[in-house]
Amino acid sequence: MRIATWNINSIRTRKDRAIDFLHHQDIDVLLLQETKCKDEQFPVGDFEAAGYNVYHWGINQWNGVGIVSRWDIEDGETGFPGMPGFDKHGTDPQPEARAISATVAGFRVWSVYVPNGRGLEDPHFDYKLQWIDALGQAVNQSREHSPELVQMVGGDFNVAPLASDVGDPAFVEGKTTHVSPEERQTLNNFLETAKLTDLVRPRLPDGYTFWDYTQGKFQKNFGLRIDFLFGDKTAEADVVDAVIDREQRTGEQPSDHVPVIVEFAGDDDVDDRPMVF
């Protein structure tokens, strides 16, 4: 089983790239963020023709999250209990399409797009911290409700947990989001509450997952590590490989993020899924 997460930064722009990636990397489940489309605009037919099922949540041209899977997608849920909404004036907070979850082949997989925060004094910053806290509670509740499922959360967390995860000089601790002590502590609290751990870092301690489009930052390797696949103890025990697919930041019209992949040990059962050519 190979599960990946990818902030695609517009699925309609990068549909073909995403499908090529699925086949080239032999991905079973892809967690997507920032699809930037409504549900009816998602190119479902193209993914189905490629051999994948789709579960998506998009409200408008912003945000958007999805799950793409070779396996059946069951018990899907958009958002999560207690998920905060946002309104910059604070008068009418509305839910944003930032989280989606479903059961796939014994996993409860979550695709999440954590709010950016915008600035340390911006209302979006408090929204970000509250959102991460609420997500931790929701994952823990999901575990209690369905203890037989393996919990796995992937996505763009918009937090660089360690100093070594920051190569972009524009991000300065104490002055900018993504690297502040408050965000890092909130992410640590999330992992403790949700009882999850980073599935990739033990195998790939270094490497960025995001490079801004401006000022040649990819070529300079001025990046951030902000995209993660977190899993519970069962998931952690079964990991056999991890990949940060840096090559996806090259070529024509790349996303500013790259996929992160985890491979799990499988059994020797015959794979009876239909072949797709």
C-alpha atoms as a PDB file:
ATOM      1  CA  MET A   1       0.000   0.000   0.000  1.00  0.00           C
ATOM      2  CA  ARG A   2       1.395   3.369  -1.056  1.00  0.00           C
ATOM      3  CA  ILE A   3      -0.270   6.505   0.310  1.00  0.00           C
ATOM      4  CA  ALA A   4       0.694  10.029  -0.727  1.00  0.00           C
ATOM      5  CA  THR A   5      -0.255  13.584   0.140  1.00  0.00           C
ATOM      6  CA  TRP A   6       0.034  16.505  -2.264  1.00  0.00           C
ATOM      7  CA  ASN A   7      -1.006  20.140  -2.217  1.00  0.00           C
ATOM      8  CA  ILE A   8      -1.753  20.226  -5.922  1.00  0.00           C
ATOM      9  CA  ASN A   9      -2.492  23.976  -6.126  1.00  0.00           C
ATOM     10  CA  SER A  10      -5.378  23.561  -8.630  1.00  0.00           C
ATOM     11  CA  ILE A  11      -6.433  20.101  -9.759  1.00  0.00           C
ATOM     12  CA  ARG A  12      -7.854  21.414 -13.030  1.00  0.00           C
ATOM     13  CA  THR A  13      -4.487  22.908 -13.968  1.00  0.00           C
ATOM     14  CA  ARG A  14      -2.525  19.814 -12.913  1.00  0.00           C
ATOM     15  CA  LYS A  15      -4.963  16.964 -13.599  1.00  0.00           C
ATOM     16  CA  ASP A  16      -2.704  15.196 -16.100  1.00  0.00           C
ATOM     17  CA  ARG A  17       0.349  15.634 -13.908  1.00  0.00           C
ATOM     18  CA  ALA A  18      -1.543  14.123 -10.955  1.00  0.00           C
ATOM     19  CA  ILE A  19      -2.705  11.095 -12.955  1.00  0.00           C
ATOM     20  CA  ASP A  20       0.791  10.526 -14.338  1.00  0.00           C
ATOM     21  CA  PHE A  21       2.128  10.688 -10.801  1.00  0.00           C
ATOM     22  CA  LEU A  22      -0.407   8.132  -9.578  1.00  0.00           C
ATOM     23  CA  HIS A  23       0.643   5.629 -12.204  1.00  0.00           C
ATOM     24  CA  HIS A  24       4.374   6.356 -12.203  1.00  0.00           C
ATOM     25  CA  GLN A  25       4.662   6.080  -8.430  1.00  0.00           C
ATOM     26  CA  ASP A  26       2.072   3.263  -8.162  1.00  0.00           C
ATOM     27  CA  ILE A  27       0.012   5.216  -5.633  1.00  0.00           C
ATOM     28  CA  ASP A  28      -2.967   3.492  -4.019  1.00  0.00           C
ATOM     29  CA  VAL A  29      -4.346   6.486  -2.122  1.00  0.00           C
ATOM     30  CA  LEU A  30      -3.659  10.173  -2.785  1.00  0.00           C
ATOM     31  CA  LEU A  31      -4.678  12.884  -0.343  1.00  0.00           C
ATOM     32  CA  LEU A  32      -5.118  16.183  -2.155  1.00  0.00           C
ATOM     33  CA  GLN A  33      -5.189  19.747  -0.871  1.00  0.00           C
ATOM     34  CA  GLU A  34      -5.860  23.119  -2.451  1.00  0.00           C
ATOM     35  CA  THR A  35      -7.808  21.641  -5.343  1.00  0.00           C
ATOM     36  CA  LYS A  36      -9.307  25.102  -5.946  1.00  0.00           C
ATOM     37  CA  CYS A  37     -12.627  23.949  -7.373  1.00  0.00           C
ATOM     38  CA  LYS A  38     -16.199  23.156  -6.481  1.00  0.00           C
ATOM     39  CA  ASP A  39     -17.246  19.509  -6.324  1.00  0.00           C
ATOM     40  CA  GLU A  40     -18.884  19.635  -9.735  1.00  0.00           C
ATOM     41  CA  GLN A  41     -15.700  21.077 -11.273  1.00  0.00           C
ATOM     42  CA  PHE A  42     -13.403  18.264 -10.128  1.00  0.00           C
ATOM     43  CA  PRO A  43     -12.359  16.107 -13.143  1.00  0.00           C
ATOM     44  CA  VAL A  44     -13.785  12.934 -11.617  1.00  0.00           C
ATOM     45  CA  GLY A  45     -14.244  11.174 -14.960  1.00  0.00           C
ATOM     46  CA  ASP A  46     -10.556  11.435 -15.842  1.00  0.00           C
ATOM     47  CA  PHE A  47      -9.531   9.853 -12.549  1.00  0.00           C
ATOM     48  CA  GLU A  48     -12.124   7.113 -12.855  1.00  0.00           C
ATOM     49  CA  ALA A  49     -10.852   6.335 -16.343  1.00  0.00           C
ATOM     50  CA  ALA A  50      -7.387   6.036 -14.804  1.00  0.00           C
ATOM     51  CA  GLY A  51      -8.666   3.458 -12.301  1.00  0.00           C
ATOM     52  CA  TYR A  52      -9.338   5.633  -9.252  1.00  0.00           C
ATOM     53  CA  ASN A  53     -12.317   6.580  -7.123  1.00  0.00           C
ATOM     54  CA  VAL A  54     -12.713  10.186  -5.949  1.00  0.00           C
ATOM     55  CA  TYR A  55     -14.149  11.816  -2.848  1.00  0.00           C
ATOM     56  CA  HIS A  56     -13.903  15.609  -2.853  1.00  0.00           C
ATOM     57  CA  TRP A  57     -15.022  18.668  -0.942  1.00  0.00           C
ATOM     58  CA  GLY A  58     -14.822  22.078  -2.559  1.00  0.00           C
ATOM     59  CA  ILE A  59     -17.029  25.087  -1.884  1.00  0.00           C
ATOM     60  CA  ASN A  60     -15.512  27.723  -4.161  1.00  0.00           C
ATOM     61  CA  GLN A  61     -12.269  28.533  -6.006  1.00  0.00           C
ATOM     62  CA  TRP A  62     -10.281  28.495  -2.756  1.00  0.00           C
ATOM     63  CA  ASN A  63      -9.064  25.623  -0.589  1.00  0.00           C
ATOM     64  CA  GLY A  64     -10.591  22.239  -1.511  1.00  0.00           C
ATOM     65  CA  VAL A  65      -9.537  18.775  -0.337  1.00  0.00           C
ATOM     66  CA  GLY A  66      -9.921  15.316  -1.777  1.00  0.00           C
ATOM     67  CA  ILE A  67      -9.176  11.609  -1.530  1.00  0.00           C
ATOM     68  CA  VAL A  68      -8.306   9.609  -4.639  1.00  0.00           C
ATOM     69  CA  SER A  69      -8.129   5.841  -4.214  1.00  0.00           C
ATOM     70  CA  ARG A  70      -7.805   2.596  -6.131  1.00  0.00           C
ATOM     71  CA  TRP A  71      -9.891   1.054  -3.363  1.00  0.00           C
ATOM     72  CA  ASP A  72     -13.472   1.756  -2.358  1.00  0.00           C
ATOM     73  CA  ILE A  73     -13.940   4.979  -0.390  1.00  0.00           C
ATOM     74  CA  GLU A  74     -16.395   4.456   2.463  1.00  0.00           C
ATOM     75  CA  ASP A  75     -17.955   6.482   5.277  1.00  0.00           C
ATOM     76  CA  GLY A  76     -16.751   9.801   3.906  1.00  0.00           C
ATOM     77  CA  GLU A  77     -17.036  12.957   6.000  1.00  0.00           C
ATOM     78  CA  THR A  78     -16.434  16.558   5.015  1.00  0.00           C
ATOM     79  CA  GLY A  79     -14.985  18.699   7.750  1.00  0.00           C
ATOM     80  CA  PHE A  80     -14.866  17.307  11.271  1.00  0.00           C
ATOM     81  CA  PRO A  81     -16.783  17.773  14.538  1.00  0.00           C
ATOM     82  CA  GLY A  82     -15.820  21.050  16.160  1.00  0.00           C
ATOM     83  CA  MET A  83     -14.050  22.412  13.078  1.00  0.00           C
ATOM     84  CA  PRO A  84     -13.829  26.207  13.374  1.00  0.00           C
ATOM     85  CA  GLY A  85     -14.987  28.479  10.603  1.00  0.00           C
ATOM     86  CA  PHE A  86     -13.502  31.835   9.672  1.00  0.00           C
ATOM     87  CA  ASP A  87     -14.679  35.380   9.164  1.00  0.00           C
ATOM     88  CA  LYS A  88     -12.104  38.161   9.345  1.00  0.00           C
ATOM     89  CA  HIS A  89     -14.632  40.360  11.107  1.00  0.00           C
ATOM     90  CA  GLY A  90     -15.482  37.620  13.599  1.00  0.00           C
ATOM     91  CA  THR A  91     -19.222  38.070  13.147  1.00  0.00           C
ATOM     92  CA  ASP A  92     -20.191  35.118  10.941  1.00  0.00           C
ATOM     93  CA  PRO A  93     -17.521  32.374  10.822  1.00  0.00           C
ATOM     94  CA  GLN A  94     -18.090  30.016   7.897  1.00  0.00           C
ATOM     95  CA  PRO A  95     -16.648  26.518   7.416  1.00  0.00           C
ATOM     96  CA  GLU A  96     -13.946  26.229   4.784  1.00  0.00           C
ATOM     97  CA  ALA A  97     -13.206  23.148   2.653  1.00  0.00           C
ATOM     98  CA  ARG A  98     -10.041  22.228   4.531  1.00  0.00           C
ATOM     99  CA  ALA A  99     -10.602  18.682   5.814  1.00  0.00           C
ATOM    100  CA  ILE A 100     -12.045  15.460   4.479  1.00  0.00           C
ATOM    101  CA  SER A 101     -11.834  11.901   5.783  1.00  0.00           C
ATOM    102  CA  ALA A 102     -12.908   8.418   4.756  1.00  0.00           C
ATOM    103  CA  THR A 103     -12.241   4.745   5.341  1.00  0.00           C
ATOM    104  CA  VAL A 104     -10.050   3.068   2.728  1.00  0.00           C
ATOM    105  CA  ALA A 105      -8.746  -0.517   3.015  1.00  0.00           C
ATOM    106  CA  GLY A 106      -8.687  -0.510   6.811  1.00  0.00           C
ATOM    107  CA  PHE A 107      -7.294   3.013   7.124  1.00  0.00           C
ATOM    108  CA  ARG A 108      -9.143   6.094   8.287  1.00  0.00           C
ATOM    109  CA  VAL A 109      -7.415   8.633   6.076  1.00  0.00           C
ATOM    110  CA  TRP A 110      -7.658  12.396   6.507  1.00  0.00           C
ATOM    111  CA  SER A 111      -6.666  15.011   3.955  1.00  0.00           C
ATOM    112  CA  VAL A 112      -6.176  18.385   5.629  1.00  0.00           C
ATOM    113  CA  TYR A 113      -5.233  21.866   4.506  1.00  0.00           C
ATOM    114  CA  VAL A 114      -4.364  23.825   7.632  1.00  0.00           C
ATOM    115  CA  PRO A 115      -5.063  27.575   7.522  1.00  0.00           C
ATOM    116  CA  ASN A 116      -2.062  29.716   6.591  1.00  0.00           C
ATOM    117  CA  GLY A 117      -2.205  32.134   9.504  1.00  0.00           C
ATOM    118  CA  ARG A 118      -1.236  35.110   7.304  1.00  0.00           C
ATOM    119  CA  GLY A 119       0.470  37.089  10.071  1.00  0.00           C
ATOM    120  CA  LEU A 120       1.218  36.741  13.769  1.00  0.00           C
ATOM    121  CA  GLU A 121      -1.234  39.529  14.594  1.00  0.00           C
ATOM    122  CA  ASP A 122      -3.856  38.537  12.037  1.00  0.00           C
ATOM    123  CA  PRO A 123      -7.177  36.938  13.156  1.00  0.00           C
ATOM    124  CA  HIS A 124      -6.289  34.103  10.776  1.00  0.00           C
ATOM    125  CA  PHE A 125      -3.414  33.164  13.090  1.00  0.00           C
ATOM    126  CA  ASP A 126      -5.696  32.413  16.042  1.00  0.00           C
ATOM    127  CA  TYR A 127      -8.024  30.601  13.650  1.00  0.00           C
ATOM    128  CA  LYS A 128      -5.084  28.444  12.563  1.00  0.00           C
ATOM    129  CA  LEU A 129      -4.179  27.457  16.121  1.00  0.00           C
ATOM    130  CA  GLN A 130      -7.799  26.707  17.020  1.00  0.00           C
ATOM    131  CA  TRP A 131      -8.232  24.685  13.842  1.00  0.00           C
ATOM    132  CA  ILE A 132      -5.222  22.464  14.582  1.00  0.00           C
ATOM    133  CA  ASP A 133      -6.365  21.933  18.176  1.00  0.00           C
ATOM    134  CA  ALA A 134      -9.853  20.932  17.032  1.00  0.00           C
ATOM    135  CA  LEU A 135      -8.408  18.538  14.452  1.00  0.00           C
ATOM    136  CA  GLY A 136      -6.465  16.715  17.154  1.00  0.00           C
ATOM    137  CA  GLN A 137      -9.608  16.247  19.188  1.00  0.00           C
ATOM    138  CA  ALA A 138     -11.523  14.999  16.145  1.00  0.00           C
ATOM    139  CA  VAL A 139      -8.874  12.414  15.224  1.00  0.00           C
ATOM    140  CA  ASN A 140      -8.812  11.152  18.790  1.00  0.00           C
ATOM    141  CA  GLN A 141     -12.598  10.848  18.787  1.00  0.00           C
ATOM    142  CA  SER A 142     -12.428   8.948  15.509  1.00  0.00           C
ATOM    143  CA  ARG A 143      -9.992   6.472  17.055  1.00  0.00           C
ATOM    144  CA  GLU A 144     -12.248   5.934  20.048  1.00  0.00           C
ATOM    145  CA  HIS A 145     -15.253   5.412  17.783  1.00  0.00           C
ATOM    146  CA  SER A 146     -13.473   3.013  15.397  1.00  0.00           C
ATOM    147  CA  PRO A 147     -10.475   1.477  17.191  1.00  0.00           C
ATOM    148  CA  GLU A 148     -10.110  -1.176  14.500  1.00  0.00           C
ATOM    149  CA  LEU A 149      -9.085   1.405  11.888  1.00  0.00           C
ATOM    150  CA  VAL A 150      -5.569   2.685  11.324  1.00  0.00           C
ATOM    151  CA  GLN A 151      -5.578   6.472  11.684  1.00  0.00           C
ATOM    152  CA  MET A 152      -3.547   8.460   9.164  1.00  0.00           C
ATOM    153  CA  VAL A 153      -3.571  12.218   8.606  1.00  0.00           C
ATOM    154  CA  GLY A 154      -1.832  13.800   5.643  1.00  0.00           C
ATOM    155  CA  GLY A 155      -1.702  17.252   4.223  1.00  0.00           C
ATOM    156  CA  ASP A 156      -0.313  20.746   4.115  1.00  0.00           C
ATOM    157  CA  PHE A 157       0.067  21.781   7.754  1.00  0.00           C
ATOM    158  CA  ASN A 158       1.589  25.209   7.072  1.00  0.00           C
ATOM    159  CA  VAL A 159       3.968  24.675  10.004  1.00  0.00           C
ATOM    160  CA  ALA A 160       7.693  23.893   9.797  1.00  0.00           C
ATOM    161  CA  PRO A 161       8.266  22.006  13.069  1.00  0.00           C
ATOM    162  CA  LEU A 162      12.081  22.183  13.207  1.00  0.00           C
ATOM    163  CA  ALA A 163      14.711  24.786  12.395  1.00  0.00           C
ATOM    164  CA  SER A 164      16.109  22.345   9.838  1.00  0.00           C
ATOM    165  CA  ASP A 165      12.740  22.459   8.033  1.00  0.00           C
ATOM    166  CA  VAL A 166      13.302  26.111   7.101  1.00  0.00           C
ATOM    167  CA  GLY A 167      15.525  27.037   4.167  1.00  0.00           C
ATOM    168  CA  ASP A 168      13.659  30.134   3.038  1.00  0.00           C
ATOM    169  CA  PRO A 169      15.187  33.255   4.640  1.00  0.00           C
ATOM    170  CA  ALA A 170      11.808  35.013   4.360  1.00  0.00           C
ATOM    171  CA  PHE A 171      10.578  32.917   7.296  1.00  0.00           C
ATOM    172  CA  VAL A 172      12.037  34.204  10.559  1.00  0.00           C
ATOM    173  CA  GLU A 173      11.072  32.814  13.938  1.00  0.00           C
ATOM    174  CA  GLY A 174       9.282  35.403  16.010  1.00  0.00           C
ATOM    175  CA  LYS A 175       8.428  37.514  12.984  1.00  0.00           C
ATOM    176  CA  THR A 176       6.549  35.306  10.513  1.00  0.00           C
ATOM    177  CA  THR A 177       4.009  32.515  10.515  1.00  0.00           C
ATOM    178  CA  HIS A 178       4.847  28.845   9.919  1.00  0.00           C
ATOM    179  CA  VAL A 179       7.890  28.978  12.205  1.00  0.00           C
ATOM    180  CA  SER A 180       6.582  30.595  15.391  1.00  0.00           C
ATOM    181  CA  PRO A 181       6.842  28.861  18.776  1.00  0.00           C
ATOM    182  CA  GLU A 182       3.039  28.983  19.106  1.00  0.00           C
ATOM    183  CA  GLU A 183       2.488  27.100  15.856  1.00  0.00           C
ATOM    184  CA  ARG A 184       5.158  24.529  16.601  1.00  0.00           C
ATOM    185  CA  GLN A 185       3.788  23.878  20.078  1.00  0.00           C
ATOM    186  CA  THR A 186       0.251  23.611  18.720  1.00  0.00           C
ATOM    187  CA  LEU A 187       1.385  21.048  16.158  1.00  0.00           C
ATOM    188  CA  ASN A 188       3.153  19.054  18.880  1.00  0.00           C
ATOM    189  CA  ASN A 189      -0.003  19.183  20.971  1.00  0.00           C
ATOM    190  CA  PHE A 190      -2.002  17.943  17.980  1.00  0.00           C
ATOM    191  CA  LEU A 191       0.275  14.921  17.597  1.00  0.00           C
ATOM    192  CA  GLU A 192       0.012  14.108  21.284  1.00  0.00           C
ATOM    193  CA  THR A 193      -3.762  14.476  21.366  1.00  0.00           C
ATOM    194  CA  ALA A 194      -4.278  12.499  18.149  1.00  0.00           C
ATOM    195  CA  LYS A 195      -1.621   9.943  19.172  1.00  0.00           C
ATOM    196  CA  LEU A 196       0.164  10.265  15.841  1.00  0.00           C
ATOM    197  CA  THR A 197       3.777  10.426  14.731  1.00  0.00           C
ATOM    198  CA  ASP A 198       5.631  11.577  11.608  1.00  0.00           C
ATOM    199  CA  LEU A 199       5.914   8.542   9.319  1.00  0.00           C
ATOM    200  CA  VAL A 200       8.474  10.111   6.992  1.00  0.00           C
ATOM    201  CA  ARG A 201      11.087  11.876   9.110  1.00  0.00           C
ATOM    202  CA  PRO A 202      12.685   8.726  10.585  1.00  0.00           C
ATOM    203  CA  ARG A 203      13.611   7.686   7.038  1.00  0.00           C
ATOM    204  CA  LEU A 204      14.080  11.148   5.540  1.00  0.00           C
ATOM    205  CA  PRO A 205      15.282  13.523   8.270  1.00  0.00           C
ATOM    206  CA  ASP A 206      16.069  16.263   5.743  1.00  0.00           C
ATOM    207  CA  GLY A 207      14.223  17.653   2.747  1.00  0.00           C
ATOM    208  CA  TYR A 208      11.731  20.365   1.899  1.00  0.00           C
ATOM    209  CA  THR A 209       8.233  19.938   0.462  1.00  0.00           C
ATOM    210  CA  PHE A 210       7.447  23.525  -0.597  1.00  0.00           C
ATOM    211  CA  TRP A 211       9.277  26.223  -2.542  1.00  0.00           C
ATOM    212  CA  ASP A 212       7.671  29.570  -3.348  1.00  0.00           C
ATOM    213  CA  TYR A 213       7.410  30.382  -7.055  1.00  0.00           C
ATOM    214  CA  THR A 214       9.184  33.733  -6.697  1.00  0.00           C
ATOM    215  CA  GLN A 215      12.859  34.731  -6.767  1.00  0.00           C
ATOM    216  CA  GLY A 216      14.141  31.376  -8.012  1.00  0.00           C
ATOM    217  CA  LYS A 217      13.660  29.814  -4.603  1.00  0.00           C
ATOM    218  CA  PHE A 218      13.505  26.260  -5.899  1.00  0.00           C
ATOM    219  CA  GLN A 219      16.785  26.632  -7.743  1.00  0.00           C
ATOM    220  CA  LYS A 220      18.331  28.120  -4.579  1.00  0.00           C
ATOM    221  CA  ASN A 221      16.683  25.404  -2.452  1.00  0.00           C
ATOM    222  CA  PHE A 222      15.021  28.046  -0.272  1.00  0.00           C
ATOM    223  CA  GLY A 223      12.222  25.744   0.820  1.00  0.00           C
ATOM    224  CA  LEU A 224      10.081  24.656   3.743  1.00  0.00           C
ATOM    225  CA  ARG A 225       9.039  21.285   5.082  1.00  0.00           C
ATOM    226  CA  ILE A 226       5.342  21.764   5.786  1.00  0.00           C
ATOM    227  CA  ASP A 227       3.637  18.726   4.170  1.00  0.00           C
ATOM    228  CA  PHE A 228       3.375  15.592   6.301  1.00  0.00           C
ATOM    229  CA  LEU A 229       1.969  12.115   6.638  1.00  0.00           C
ATOM    230  CA  PHE A 230       1.206  11.353  10.276  1.00  0.00           C
ATOM    231  CA  GLY A 231       0.048   7.943  11.476  1.00  0.00           C
ATOM    232  CA  ASP A 232      -0.728   5.951  14.601  1.00  0.00           C
ATOM    233  CA  LYS A 233       1.425   3.185  16.084  1.00  0.00           C
ATOM    234  CA  THR A 234       0.012   0.551  13.748  1.00  0.00           C
ATOM    235  CA  ALA A 235       0.831   2.662  10.706  1.00  0.00           C
ATOM    236  CA  GLU A 236       4.288   3.467  12.061  1.00  0.00           C
ATOM    237  CA  ALA A 237       5.118  -0.203  12.557  1.00  0.00           C
ATOM    238  CA  ASP A 238       4.205  -1.081   8.961  1.00  0.00           C
ATOM    239  CA  VAL A 239       6.152   1.651   7.124  1.00  0.00           C
ATOM    240  CA  VAL A 240       8.808   0.213   4.796  1.00  0.00           C
ATOM    241  CA  ASP A 241       9.701   3.271   2.704  1.00  0.00           C
ATOM    242  CA  ALA A 242       9.163   7.019   2.429  1.00  0.00           C
ATOM    243  CA  VAL A 243       9.704   9.440  -0.453  1.00  0.00           C
ATOM    244  CA  ILE A 244       9.635  13.203  -0.930  1.00  0.00           C
ATOM    245  CA  ASP A 245       9.133  13.436  -4.686  1.00  0.00           C
ATOM    246  CA  ARG A 246      11.228  16.535  -5.333  1.00  0.00           C
ATOM    247  CA  GLU A 247      11.113  15.981  -9.099  1.00  0.00           C
ATOM    248  CA  GLN A 248       7.467  17.057  -9.115  1.00  0.00           C
ATOM    249  CA  ARG A 249       8.662  20.630  -8.520  1.00  0.00           C
ATOM    250  CA  THR A 250      10.314  20.567 -11.959  1.00  0.00           C
ATOM    251  CA  GLY A 251       8.888  20.495 -15.466  1.00  0.00           C
ATOM    252  CA  GLU A 252       5.916  22.351 -16.896  1.00  0.00           C
ATOM    253  CA  GLN A 253       3.463  24.063 -14.521  1.00  0.00           C
ATOM    254  CA  PRO A 254       4.481  22.369 -11.259  1.00  0.00           C
ATOM    255  CA  SER A 255       2.704  22.934  -7.986  1.00  0.00           C
ATOM    256  CA  ASP A 256       4.719  24.860  -5.415  1.00  0.00           C
ATOM    257  CA  HIS A 257       4.431  21.746  -3.195  1.00  0.00           C
ATOM    258  CA  VAL A 258       5.674  18.232  -3.925  1.00  0.00           C
ATOM    259  CA  PRO A 259       4.125  14.886  -2.992  1.00  0.00           C
ATOM    260  CA  VAL A 260       5.137  13.008   0.130  1.00  0.00           C
ATOM    261  CA  ILE A 261       4.755   9.224  -0.081  1.00  0.00           C
ATOM    262  CA  VAL A 262       4.734   6.410   2.462  1.00  0.00           C
ATOM    263  CA  GLU A 263       4.778   2.721   1.594  1.00  0.00           C
ATOM    264  CA  PHE A 264       3.360   0.158   3.983  1.00  0.00           C
ATOM    265  CA  ALA A 265       4.136  -3.524   4.184  1.00  0.00           C
ATOM    266  CA  GLY A 266       1.413  -5.609   2.576  1.00  0.00           C
ATOM    267  CA  ASP A 267       0.375  -9.224   2.531  1.00  0.00           C
ATOM    268  CA  ASP A 268       0.899 -11.715  -0.257  1.00  0.00           C
ATOM    269  CA  ASP A 269      -2.740 -11.864  -1.334  1.00  0.00           C
ATOM    270  CA  VAL A 270      -3.383 -11.780  -5.040  1.00  0.00           C
ATOM    271  CA  ASP A 271      -4.313  -8.299  -6.238  1.00  0.00           C
ATOM    272  CA  ASP A 272      -7.620  -8.781  -8.048  1.00  0.00           C
ATOM    273  CA  ARG A 273      -8.200  -5.129  -8.944  1.00  0.00           C
ATOM    274  CA  PRO A 274      -8.990  -4.593 -12.629  1.00  0.00           C
ATOM    275  CA  MET A 275      -6.107  -3.621 -14.856  1.00  0.00           C
ATOM    276  CA  VAL A 276      -6.246  -0.108 -16.274  1.00  0.00           C
ATOM    277  CA  PHE A 277      -4.359   0.758 -19.449  1.00  0.00           C
END
